[in-house]
């Protein structure tokens, strides 16, 4: 017989090394599967129904109802997020603002007329400017749910210049309905006088968000005359992107083509420089609406009335209900936060009460307090150190054993683990 071969010291046999590698691989796979099982651990309700399903066939309907409820919750969360995203970008619709300008005249009283007063200063007149939105023809729109905005919402400033020597020290007269006179349907101006004259009225529209007048030649290049600053920047960036004007080496540099060079008078420029020049050189405050009205000292309000239609932008009525929904969600979220804070405060109060009762018990009778504490801890120690073999299986298998006070707490802990 051949003598056995000697293996190198410190190196296991080849087959033994392969077995160890295989064993280590199996252990790692089993550990990974255990981790997956821990992650995908079924809920207590599903685990219980898996056990009782053979005895109660109708339990499968309840499990399908739970699955449907889960899908419904996911759908509602997705729709809620869609509504929140839509509210962040409010849509605007164009409405017609009907504007009325008229004046009334009150003749002077001959008995109270001052003979020393200058000519044309007797009597009084009242100029009124008012407006309202024309109703929508949409049958789904209800004005009781979404009342239309007032006249003061759309006009930021009104300037009235009275072209008469009698009012040269009292002209122009300015109103700020959006700030000074909120939620009103119009303004009025009352003065004394009996001579007819023209009044130059300037109406400044209150744009929300703010809009700017785009000066030429940029307005000619982009085809925009009045728009918000972000949209003007987006239109300019779209032009640069479509014309491939960005430098390939430096993406922040723009190579101006002839139309863009005619606007900015530069061959190359940075993007941030272009945005700065846009704000300083090409965006201006919108021009006011000019109206000339003849103040008359005869006839009634209907005879002296001029009517104009202005196109204004208002929030989409369909989004107002979505905004109310989001406000309700925010209120519910605040209520939940308040409830959680109340629970934390109640827990803190409970802890402080237990501590106070403990200190009061020690203060009132230290000897009795220490003796009761020793007895309580001795009982706890006896329960903890009780051997498992002392449990009586015959007692535990009877239903009366599970009617004790600790049963409800034990069931809750079992279902939560």
Protein backbone atom coordinates (compact mmCIF):
# COMPACT_ATOMS: atom_id res chain seq x y z
CA UNK A 1 0.00 0.00 0.00
CA UNK A 2 1.21 3.46 -0.88
CA UNK A 3 1.80 5.84 1.98
CA UNK A 4 -0.75 8.69 2.25
CA UNK A 5 0.28 11.96 0.68
CA UNK A 6 1.17 14.73 3.04
CA UNK A 7 -0.90 17.91 2.62
CA UNK A 8 0.78 21.32 2.94
CA UNK A 9 0.54 22.77 6.41
CA UNK A 10 -2.21 25.42 6.78
CA UNK A 11 -4.00 24.56 3.53
CA UNK A 12 -7.18 22.39 3.68
CA UNK A 13 -7.85 19.68 1.13
CA UNK A 14 -9.35 20.82 -2.16
CA UNK A 15 -12.67 19.01 -1.68
CA UNK A 16 -12.99 20.37 1.85
CA UNK A 17 -12.38 23.93 0.63
CA UNK A 18 -15.06 23.52 -2.05
CA UNK A 19 -17.51 22.20 0.54
CA UNK A 20 -16.81 25.17 2.78
CA UNK A 21 -17.39 27.60 -0.10
CA UNK A 22 -20.65 25.85 -0.99
CA UNK A 23 -21.76 25.93 2.66
CA UNK A 24 -20.93 29.64 2.94
CA UNK A 25 -22.85 30.33 -0.29
CA UNK A 26 -25.89 28.43 0.97
CA UNK A 27 -25.78 30.31 4.27
CA UNK A 28 -25.62 33.69 2.48
CA UNK A 29 -28.52 32.68 0.20
CA UNK A 30 -30.58 31.53 3.17
CA UNK A 31 -29.78 34.79 4.98
CA UNK A 32 -30.86 36.82 1.95
CA UNK A 33 -34.07 34.82 1.68
CA UNK A 34 -34.70 35.41 5.39
CA UNK A 35 -34.23 39.14 4.85
CA UNK A 36 -36.65 39.07 1.93
CA UNK A 37 -39.14 37.19 4.06
CA UNK A 38 -38.74 39.79 6.79
CA UNK A 39 -39.35 42.57 4.29
CA UNK A 40 -42.37 40.85 2.72
CA UNK A 41 -43.79 39.74 6.02
CA UNK A 42 -47.56 39.38 5.70
CA UNK A 43 -49.82 41.54 7.75
CA UNK A 44 -51.41 40.02 10.90
CA UNK A 45 -54.85 40.12 9.30
CA UNK A 46 -53.66 38.16 6.23
CA UNK A 47 -51.80 35.65 8.41
CA UNK A 48 -54.90 35.00 10.50
CA UNK A 49 -57.18 34.65 7.47
CA UNK A 50 -54.79 32.17 5.86
CA UNK A 51 -55.38 29.93 8.87
CA UNK A 52 -59.16 30.26 8.97
CA UNK A 53 -59.75 30.24 5.19
CA UNK A 54 -60.30 26.43 5.06
CA UNK A 55 -63.01 26.72 7.72
CA UNK A 56 -64.69 29.96 6.52
CA UNK A 57 -64.77 30.14 2.69
CA UNK A 58 -66.41 33.60 2.83
CA UNK A 59 -63.20 35.07 4.29
CA UNK A 60 -61.75 35.28 0.76
CA UNK A 61 -64.32 37.97 -0.03
CA UNK A 62 -63.02 40.03 2.87
CA UNK A 63 -59.43 39.67 1.64
CA UNK A 64 -60.46 40.77 -1.86
CA UNK A 65 -62.19 43.77 -0.28
CA UNK A 66 -58.96 44.67 1.54
CA UNK A 67 -57.04 44.45 -1.74
CA UNK A 68 -59.59 46.69 -3.44
CA UNK A 69 -59.31 49.19 -0.60
CA UNK A 70 -55.53 49.22 -1.05
CA UNK A 71 -55.85 49.97 -4.77
CA UNK A 72 -58.43 52.68 -4.04
CA UNK A 73 -56.08 54.37 -1.56
CA UNK A 74 -53.29 54.38 -4.15
CA UNK A 75 -55.59 55.90 -6.78
CA UNK A 76 -56.83 58.59 -4.39
CA UNK A 77 -53.26 59.52 -3.43
CA UNK A 78 -52.32 59.83 -7.11
CA UNK A 79 -55.37 61.99 -7.89
CA UNK A 80 -54.69 64.15 -4.84
CA UNK A 81 -51.14 64.79 -6.03
CA UNK A 82 -52.47 65.66 -9.52
CA UNK A 83 -54.87 68.21 -8.02
CA UNK A 84 -52.10 69.76 -5.93
CA UNK A 85 -49.87 70.08 -8.98
CA UNK A 86 -52.70 71.66 -10.99
CA UNK A 87 -53.42 74.22 -8.26
CA UNK A 88 -49.75 75.25 -8.18
CA UNK A 89 -50.10 76.36 -11.82
CA UNK A 90 -53.43 78.21 -11.91
CA UNK A 91 -55.02 78.45 -15.35
CA UNK A 92 -56.48 81.70 -16.60
CA UNK A 93 -59.55 82.26 -18.75
CA UNK A 94 -60.55 85.41 -20.63
CA UNK A 95 -63.70 87.19 -19.47
CA UNK A 96 -65.42 90.39 -20.58
CA UNK A 97 -65.53 93.31 -18.15
CA UNK A 98 -68.44 95.64 -19.00
CA UNK A 99 -67.44 99.23 -18.10
CA UNK A 100 -69.98 102.04 -17.58
CA UNK A 101 -69.04 105.75 -17.40
CA UNK A 102 -71.76 108.31 -16.77
CA UNK A 103 -72.44 111.53 -14.85
CA UNK A 104 -75.41 113.15 -13.15
CA UNK A 105 -76.05 116.87 -12.62
CA UNK A 106 -77.88 118.69 -9.82
CA UNK A 107 -79.09 122.18 -10.69
CA UNK A 108 -78.32 124.99 -8.28
CA UNK A 109 -80.93 126.25 -5.85
CA UNK A 110 -81.77 129.89 -6.75
CA UNK A 111 -82.46 130.73 -3.09
CA UNK A 112 -79.04 129.54 -1.90
CA UNK A 113 -77.00 130.69 -4.92
CA UNK A 114 -74.05 132.96 -4.02
CA UNK A 115 -73.99 136.08 -6.28
CA UNK A 116 -70.22 136.55 -5.66
CA UNK A 117 -69.34 133.02 -6.85
CA UNK A 118 -67.44 132.77 -10.18
CA UNK A 119 -69.37 131.95 -13.32
CA UNK A 120 -69.96 128.24 -13.87
CA UNK A 121 -69.28 127.23 -10.26
CA UNK A 122 -72.92 126.85 -9.21
CA UNK A 123 -74.63 123.45 -9.21
CA UNK A 124 -72.86 120.09 -8.79
CA UNK A 125 -72.10 117.01 -10.87
CA UNK A 126 -71.08 113.44 -10.07
CA UNK A 127 -68.95 111.29 -12.36
CA UNK A 128 -69.19 107.56 -11.80
CA UNK A 129 -67.08 104.71 -13.24
CA UNK A 130 -68.31 101.19 -12.55
CA UNK A 131 -68.09 97.75 -14.09
CA UNK A 132 -68.92 94.09 -13.72
CA UNK A 133 -68.08 90.80 -15.40
CA UNK A 134 -70.52 89.51 -17.96
CA UNK A 135 -72.01 86.15 -16.93
CA UNK A 136 -70.63 82.96 -18.44
CA UNK A 137 -72.73 80.91 -20.82
CA UNK A 138 -71.35 77.69 -19.33
CA UNK A 139 -74.27 75.76 -17.71
CA UNK A 140 -71.84 74.08 -15.27
CA UNK A 141 -70.77 77.43 -13.82
CA UNK A 142 -72.67 78.44 -10.68
CA UNK A 143 -72.22 81.99 -9.44
CA UNK A 144 -73.43 81.06 -5.94
CA UNK A 145 -70.48 78.69 -5.50
CA UNK A 146 -67.89 80.83 -7.29
CA UNK A 147 -68.98 84.49 -7.08
CA UNK A 148 -67.39 86.72 -9.77
CA UNK A 149 -64.63 89.14 -8.72
CA UNK A 150 -65.46 92.78 -8.16
CA UNK A 151 -64.50 95.73 -10.36
CA UNK A 152 -61.69 96.74 -7.96
CA UNK A 153 -59.95 93.40 -8.58
CA UNK A 154 -59.13 94.28 -12.20
CA UNK A 155 -58.18 97.97 -11.91
CA UNK A 156 -55.04 98.95 -10.02
CA UNK A 157 -55.26 102.72 -10.56
CA UNK A 158 -57.64 105.28 -12.09
CA UNK A 159 -56.48 108.76 -13.07
CA UNK A 160 -59.04 111.44 -14.04
CA UNK A 161 -57.85 114.73 -15.54
CA UNK A 162 -60.50 117.47 -15.63
CA UNK A 163 -59.90 119.75 -18.65
CA UNK A 164 -61.51 122.87 -17.20
CA UNK A 165 -59.97 126.07 -15.75
CA UNK A 166 -62.30 125.67 -12.78
CA UNK A 167 -60.44 122.52 -11.64
CA UNK A 168 -56.85 123.36 -12.63
CA UNK A 169 -55.74 123.07 -8.97
CA UNK A 170 -57.64 119.81 -8.46
CA UNK A 171 -56.47 117.71 -11.38
CA UNK A 172 -55.66 114.93 -11.93
CA UNK A 173 -57.66 112.93 -9.39
CA UNK A 174 -56.40 109.40 -8.68
CA UNK A 175 -58.05 106.33 -7.21
CA UNK A 176 -56.42 103.04 -6.22
CA UNK A 177 -59.30 100.55 -6.10
CA UNK A 178 -57.06 97.49 -5.66
CA UNK A 179 -55.53 98.82 -2.40
CA UNK A 180 -57.61 101.69 -1.04
CA UNK A 181 -61.16 100.65 -2.04
CA UNK A 182 -61.32 96.88 -1.91
CA UNK A 183 -64.30 94.82 -3.12
CA UNK A 184 -66.18 97.66 -4.81
CA UNK A 185 -68.09 97.85 -8.09
CA UNK A 186 -66.93 101.36 -9.01
CA UNK A 187 -65.70 104.82 -8.01
CA UNK A 188 -67.29 108.24 -8.18
CA UNK A 189 -66.04 111.83 -8.29
CA UNK A 190 -68.23 114.75 -7.14
CA UNK A 191 -67.52 118.43 -7.75
CA UNK A 192 -69.38 121.74 -7.99
CA UNK A 193 -69.86 123.42 -11.36
CA UNK A 194 -72.33 123.87 -14.22
CA UNK A 195 -70.08 124.15 -17.32
CA UNK A 196 -69.53 121.17 -19.58
CA UNK A 197 -65.96 119.98 -20.17
CA UNK A 198 -64.04 116.84 -21.31
CA UNK A 199 -62.46 114.46 -18.78
CA UNK A 200 -59.42 112.36 -19.65
CA UNK A 201 -59.70 108.96 -17.89
CA UNK A 202 -56.78 106.54 -17.62
CA UNK A 203 -57.39 102.98 -16.45
CA UNK A 204 -54.43 100.85 -15.32
CA UNK A 205 -55.23 97.13 -15.49
CA UNK A 206 -54.22 95.01 -12.51
CA UNK A 207 -52.50 91.96 -14.03
CA UNK A 208 -51.97 88.93 -11.82
CA UNK A 209 -49.25 87.77 -12.30
CA UNK A 210 -47.67 91.03 -13.45
CA UNK A 211 -47.41 91.58 -17.19
CA UNK A 212 -45.03 93.85 -19.07
CA UNK A 213 -45.03 95.63 -22.38
CA UNK A 214 -42.32 94.24 -24.67
CA UNK A 215 -40.52 96.99 -26.54
CA UNK A 216 -39.51 96.67 -30.20
CA UNK A 217 -37.47 95.25 -31.84
CA UNK A 218 -37.72 92.35 -29.35
CA UNK A 219 -41.52 92.33 -29.65
CA UNK A 220 -41.17 92.03 -33.44
CA UNK A 221 -38.68 89.17 -33.09
CA UNK A 222 -40.75 87.14 -30.61
CA UNK A 223 -44.22 88.20 -31.72
CA UNK A 224 -45.13 89.23 -28.14
CA UNK A 225 -46.37 92.66 -27.09
CA UNK A 226 -47.71 92.06 -23.57
CA UNK A 227 -46.75 89.08 -21.42
CA UNK A 228 -45.27 88.01 -18.09
CA UNK A 229 -41.50 88.05 -17.64
CA UNK A 230 -41.12 84.23 -17.34
CA UNK A 231 -43.02 83.68 -20.58
CA UNK A 232 -40.93 86.29 -22.41
CA UNK A 233 -37.77 84.56 -21.19
CA UNK A 234 -39.16 81.20 -22.29
CA UNK A 235 -39.99 82.57 -25.76
CA UNK A 236 -36.46 83.99 -26.08
CA UNK A 237 -34.90 80.70 -24.96
CA UNK A 238 -37.09 78.79 -27.45
CA UNK A 239 -35.80 81.02 -30.25
CA UNK A 240 -32.17 80.40 -29.20
CA UNK A 241 -32.73 76.64 -28.96
CA UNK A 242 -34.52 76.34 -32.29
CA UNK A 243 -31.83 78.37 -34.07
CA UNK A 244 -29.01 76.37 -32.38
CA UNK A 245 -27.32 79.55 -31.19
CA UNK A 246 -25.63 78.10 -28.11
CA UNK A 247 -21.86 77.75 -28.22
CA UNK A 248 -20.89 74.07 -28.29
CA UNK A 249 -17.81 74.68 -26.12
CA UNK A 250 -19.53 76.93 -23.56
CA UNK A 251 -23.26 76.29 -23.22
CA UNK A 252 -23.75 79.51 -21.22
CA UNK A 253 -22.63 81.57 -24.25
CA UNK A 254 -25.04 82.61 -27.03
CA UNK A 255 -23.84 83.29 -30.57
CA UNK A 256 -26.18 86.03 -31.84
CA UNK A 257 -27.58 85.70 -35.34
CA UNK A 258 -28.45 88.87 -37.37
CA UNK A 259 -31.99 89.32 -35.90
CA UNK A 260 -30.72 88.79 -32.34
CA UNK A 261 -27.70 91.03 -33.01
CA UNK A 262 -30.08 93.77 -34.12
CA UNK A 263 -31.90 93.48 -30.78
CA UNK A 264 -28.96 93.34 -28.35
CA UNK A 265 -26.22 94.93 -30.54
CA UNK A 266 -23.72 92.22 -29.53
CA UNK A 267 -22.13 89.30 -31.35
CA UNK A 268 -21.87 87.02 -28.31
CA UNK A 269 -23.32 87.30 -24.83
CA UNK A 270 -23.93 85.29 -21.68
CA UNK A 271 -27.39 83.95 -20.87
CA UNK A 272 -27.55 85.80 -17.55
CA UNK A 273 -26.51 89.04 -19.30
CA UNK A 274 -29.33 88.54 -21.78
CA UNK A 275 -31.83 88.14 -18.92
CA UNK A 276 -30.56 91.32 -17.25
CA UNK A 277 -30.76 93.37 -20.47
CA UNK A 278 -34.24 92.00 -21.04
CA UNK A 279 -35.47 93.44 -17.72
CA UNK A 280 -33.71 96.80 -18.06
CA UNK A 281 -34.09 97.60 -21.78
CA UNK A 282 -37.12 95.81 -23.19
CA UNK A 283 -39.76 95.35 -20.45
CA UNK A 284 -41.89 98.34 -19.51
CA UNK A 285 -45.04 98.93 -17.52
CA UNK A 286 -48.19 98.40 -19.62
CA UNK A 287 -49.81 101.47 -21.14
CA UNK A 288 -53.07 102.59 -19.52
CA UNK A 289 -56.41 102.56 -21.32
CA UNK A 290 -57.22 106.10 -22.47
CA UNK A 291 -60.88 107.19 -22.45
CA UNK A 292 -62.20 110.69 -23.13
CA UNK A 293 -65.59 111.38 -21.55
CA UNK A 294 -67.65 114.55 -21.99
CA UNK A 295 -69.16 115.68 -18.68
CA UNK A 296 -72.64 117.01 -19.48
CA UNK A 297 -74.88 119.26 -17.45
CA UNK A 298 -78.16 118.08 -18.93
CA UNK A 299 -80.12 114.87 -19.24
CA UNK A 300 -80.15 111.87 -16.91
CA UNK A 301 -77.63 109.08 -16.22
CA UNK A 302 -78.94 106.88 -19.06
CA UNK A 303 -78.49 109.67 -21.62
CA UNK A 304 -74.95 110.45 -20.48
CA UNK A 305 -73.76 106.84 -20.22
CA UNK A 306 -70.84 105.45 -22.25
CA UNK A 307 -70.23 101.70 -22.32
CA UNK A 308 -67.01 99.81 -23.04
CA UNK A 309 -65.98 96.14 -23.03
CA UNK A 310 -62.54 95.15 -21.72
CA UNK A 311 -60.92 91.72 -21.99
CA UNK A 312 -59.55 90.62 -18.60
CA UNK A 313 -58.09 87.38 -17.24
CA UNK A 314 -59.58 85.58 -14.25
CA UNK A 315 -58.88 82.29 -12.54
CA UNK A 316 -60.48 79.25 -14.10
CA UNK A 317 -63.73 78.55 -12.15
CA UNK A 318 -63.10 74.80 -12.39
CA UNK A 319 -59.88 75.26 -10.39
CA UNK A 320 -61.60 77.19 -7.61
CA UNK A 321 -63.24 73.99 -6.38
CA UNK A 322 -59.86 72.22 -6.54
CA UNK A 323 -58.35 75.05 -4.50
CA UNK A 324 -61.11 74.69 -1.92
CA UNK A 325 -60.35 70.98 -1.80
CA UNK A 326 -56.66 71.63 -1.15
CA UNK A 327 -57.56 74.14 1.56
CA UNK A 328 -59.70 71.45 3.19
CA UNK A 329 -56.78 69.01 2.99
CA UNK A 330 -54.49 71.58 4.61
CA UNK A 331 -57.04 72.14 7.37
CA UNK A 332 -57.28 68.38 7.97
CA UNK A 333 -53.48 68.13 8.03
CA UNK A 334 -53.32 70.92 10.60
CA UNK A 335 -56.00 69.17 12.66
CA UNK A 336 -53.96 65.93 12.58
CA UNK A 337 -50.87 67.81 13.73
CA UNK A 338 -52.83 69.37 16.58
CA UNK A 339 -54.20 65.94 17.58
CA UNK A 340 -50.70 64.44 17.61
CA UNK A 341 -49.46 67.33 19.73
CA UNK A 342 -52.37 66.83 22.12
CA UNK A 343 -51.49 63.11 22.41
CA UNK A 344 -47.87 63.93 23.17
CA UNK A 345 -48.93 66.46 25.80
CA UNK A 346 -51.34 63.92 27.34
CA UNK A 347 -48.54 61.34 27.53
CA UNK A 348 -46.26 63.89 29.14
CA UNK A 349 -48.98 64.77 31.64
CA UNK A 350 -49.46 61.07 32.44
CA UNK A 351 -45.75 60.65 33.08
CA UNK A 352 -45.63 63.73 35.29
CA UNK A 353 -48.69 62.52 37.21
CA UNK A 354 -47.10 59.13 37.87
CA UNK A 355 -43.92 60.81 39.04
CA UNK A 356 -45.90 63.18 41.27
CA UNK A 357 -47.89 60.32 42.81
CA UNK A 358 -44.62 58.46 43.42
CA UNK A 359 -43.05 61.42 45.18
CA UNK A 360 -46.22 62.19 47.16
CA UNK A 361 -46.39 58.57 48.35
CA UNK A 362 -42.78 58.69 49.50
CA UNK A 363 -43.37 62.08 51.16
CA UNK A 364 -46.51 61.07 53.07
CA UNK A 365 -45.16 57.75 54.43
CA UNK A 366 -41.57 56.82 53.51
CA UNK A 367 -41.59 53.51 55.46
CA UNK A 368 -44.81 52.19 53.90
CA UNK A 369 -43.67 53.39 50.48
CA UNK A 370 -40.36 51.47 50.69
CA UNK A 371 -42.07 48.32 52.05
CA UNK A 372 -44.70 48.35 49.25
CA UNK A 373 -41.96 48.89 46.68
CA UNK A 374 -39.99 45.91 47.99
CA UNK A 375 -43.09 43.68 47.93
CA UNK A 376 -43.94 44.75 44.36
CA UNK A 377 -40.42 44.10 43.10
CA UNK A 378 -40.35 40.71 44.88
CA UNK A 379 -43.55 39.69 43.08
CA UNK A 380 -42.10 40.81 39.73
CA UNK A 381 -38.92 38.86 40.40
CA UNK A 382 -40.92 35.74 41.25
CA UNK A 383 -42.88 36.00 38.00
CA UNK A 384 -39.73 36.51 35.92
CA UNK A 385 -37.79 33.69 37.55
CA UNK A 386 -40.69 31.23 37.35
CA UNK A 387 -39.53 28.13 35.40
CA UNK A 388 -41.35 27.14 32.24
CA UNK A 389 -41.96 23.65 33.55
CA UNK A 390 -44.22 25.05 36.28
CA UNK A 391 -46.89 25.92 33.68
CA UNK A 392 -49.78 23.50 33.67
CA UNK A 393 -50.78 22.53 30.09
CA UNK A 394 -54.08 21.14 31.35
CA UNK A 395 -55.06 24.55 32.73
CA UNK A 396 -53.87 26.45 29.67
CA UNK A 397 -55.90 24.37 27.25
CA UNK A 398 -59.19 25.35 28.92
CA UNK A 399 -61.16 28.38 27.71
CA UNK A 400 -61.44 29.84 31.22
CA UNK A 401 -57.66 30.40 31.26
CA UNK A 402 -57.97 32.97 28.43
CA UNK A 403 -60.73 34.96 30.11
CA UNK A 404 -58.28 36.67 32.44
CA UNK A 405 -57.64 40.48 32.30
CA UNK A 406 -54.26 40.11 30.56
CA UNK A 407 -55.75 38.36 27.51
CA UNK A 408 -56.73 41.51 25.57
CA UNK A 409 -53.25 43.03 25.92
CA UNK A 410 -51.60 39.75 24.90
CA UNK A 411 -53.72 39.50 21.75
CA UNK A 412 -52.83 43.09 20.74
CA UNK A 413 -49.13 42.43 21.18
CA UNK A 414 -49.39 39.18 19.20
CA UNK A 415 -51.10 40.92 16.27
CA UNK A 416 -48.62 43.81 16.25
CA UNK A 417 -45.53 41.60 16.12
